[in-house]
Protein backbone atom coordinates (compact mmCIF):
# COMPACT_ATOMS: atom_id res chain seq x y z
CA MET A 1 -89.98 -43.95 2.94
CA THR A 2 -92.32 -46.88 3.64
CA SER A 3 -95.41 -46.78 5.70
CA PRO A 4 -95.30 -47.82 9.41
CA GLU A 5 -96.39 -51.47 10.04
CA LEU A 6 -99.45 -50.91 12.07
CA ARG A 7 -101.43 -54.26 12.27
CA PRO A 8 -105.07 -54.47 13.43
CA ALA A 9 -105.32 -56.41 16.72
CA THR A 10 -107.16 -59.73 16.81
CA LEU A 11 -109.93 -59.37 19.35
CA ASP A 12 -112.37 -61.81 20.87
CA GLU A 13 -116.07 -61.06 21.36
CA THR A 14 -115.54 -59.78 24.91
CA ALA A 15 -112.80 -57.37 23.73
CA MET A 16 -114.92 -56.29 20.79
CA ALA A 17 -117.85 -55.43 23.21
CA ASP A 18 -115.32 -53.36 25.39
CA ILE A 19 -114.36 -51.39 22.20
CA ARG A 20 -118.05 -51.00 21.15
CA ARG A 21 -118.75 -49.54 24.64
CA LEU A 22 -115.87 -47.18 24.44
CA GLU A 23 -117.04 -46.00 20.95
CA GLU A 24 -120.33 -45.34 22.44
CA THR A 25 -118.95 -43.33 25.32
CA LEU A 26 -116.50 -41.39 22.97
CA GLY A 27 -119.06 -41.03 20.15
CA THR A 28 -116.38 -41.88 17.70
CA PRO A 29 -114.95 -45.03 16.06
CA VAL A 30 -112.02 -46.66 17.71
CA VAL A 31 -109.49 -48.96 16.07
CA ALA A 32 -107.39 -51.43 17.95
CA TYR A 33 -103.84 -52.22 16.77
CA GLU A 34 -101.33 -54.89 17.89
CA PRO A 35 -99.12 -53.54 20.70
CA GLU A 36 -95.92 -53.50 18.60
CA SER A 37 -95.48 -49.92 17.39
CA PRO A 38 -93.19 -48.41 14.93
CA TYR A 39 -93.28 -45.08 16.99
CA ALA A 40 -90.59 -43.88 19.19
CA GLU A 41 -90.99 -44.00 22.98
CA LEU A 42 -90.33 -40.56 24.17
CA SER A 43 -89.58 -39.12 27.58
CA ASP A 44 -92.00 -36.42 29.05
CA ASP A 45 -89.49 -33.79 28.06
CA GLN A 46 -89.20 -35.06 24.46
CA LEU A 47 -93.06 -35.27 24.23
CA ALA A 48 -93.39 -31.75 25.45
CA GLU A 49 -90.88 -30.57 22.93
CA VAL A 50 -92.83 -32.31 20.05
CA ARG A 51 -96.06 -30.76 21.36
CA ARG A 52 -94.37 -27.34 21.44
CA VAL A 53 -93.25 -27.66 17.78
CA GLU A 54 -96.73 -29.07 16.71
CA SER A 55 -98.35 -25.96 18.20
CA ALA A 56 -95.82 -23.60 16.73
CA LEU A 57 -96.29 -25.20 13.20
CA GLY A 58 -100.06 -26.03 13.46
CA VAL A 59 -99.29 -29.73 12.41
CA ARG A 60 -99.28 -33.18 13.95
CA LEU A 61 -95.81 -34.82 14.26
CA LEU A 62 -95.00 -38.59 14.58
CA ALA A 63 -91.66 -39.82 15.94
CA TYR A 64 -90.60 -43.18 14.62
CA ARG A 65 -88.24 -45.77 16.11
CA THR A 66 -84.88 -46.11 14.29
């Protein structure tokens, strides 16, 4: 299986300043990616099921588009 194609976003100085402010507010680094995502769009019910299984297994799950 290959890795998902996540590409860092190209941001101008204004956007970078917004990201820096968010990092200061959160107290943690933030990475911006291009909006195209390899991850599946899930309904609220599907997401709830993923979270239920995550909690039961003690893991993080990622659902990919097919």
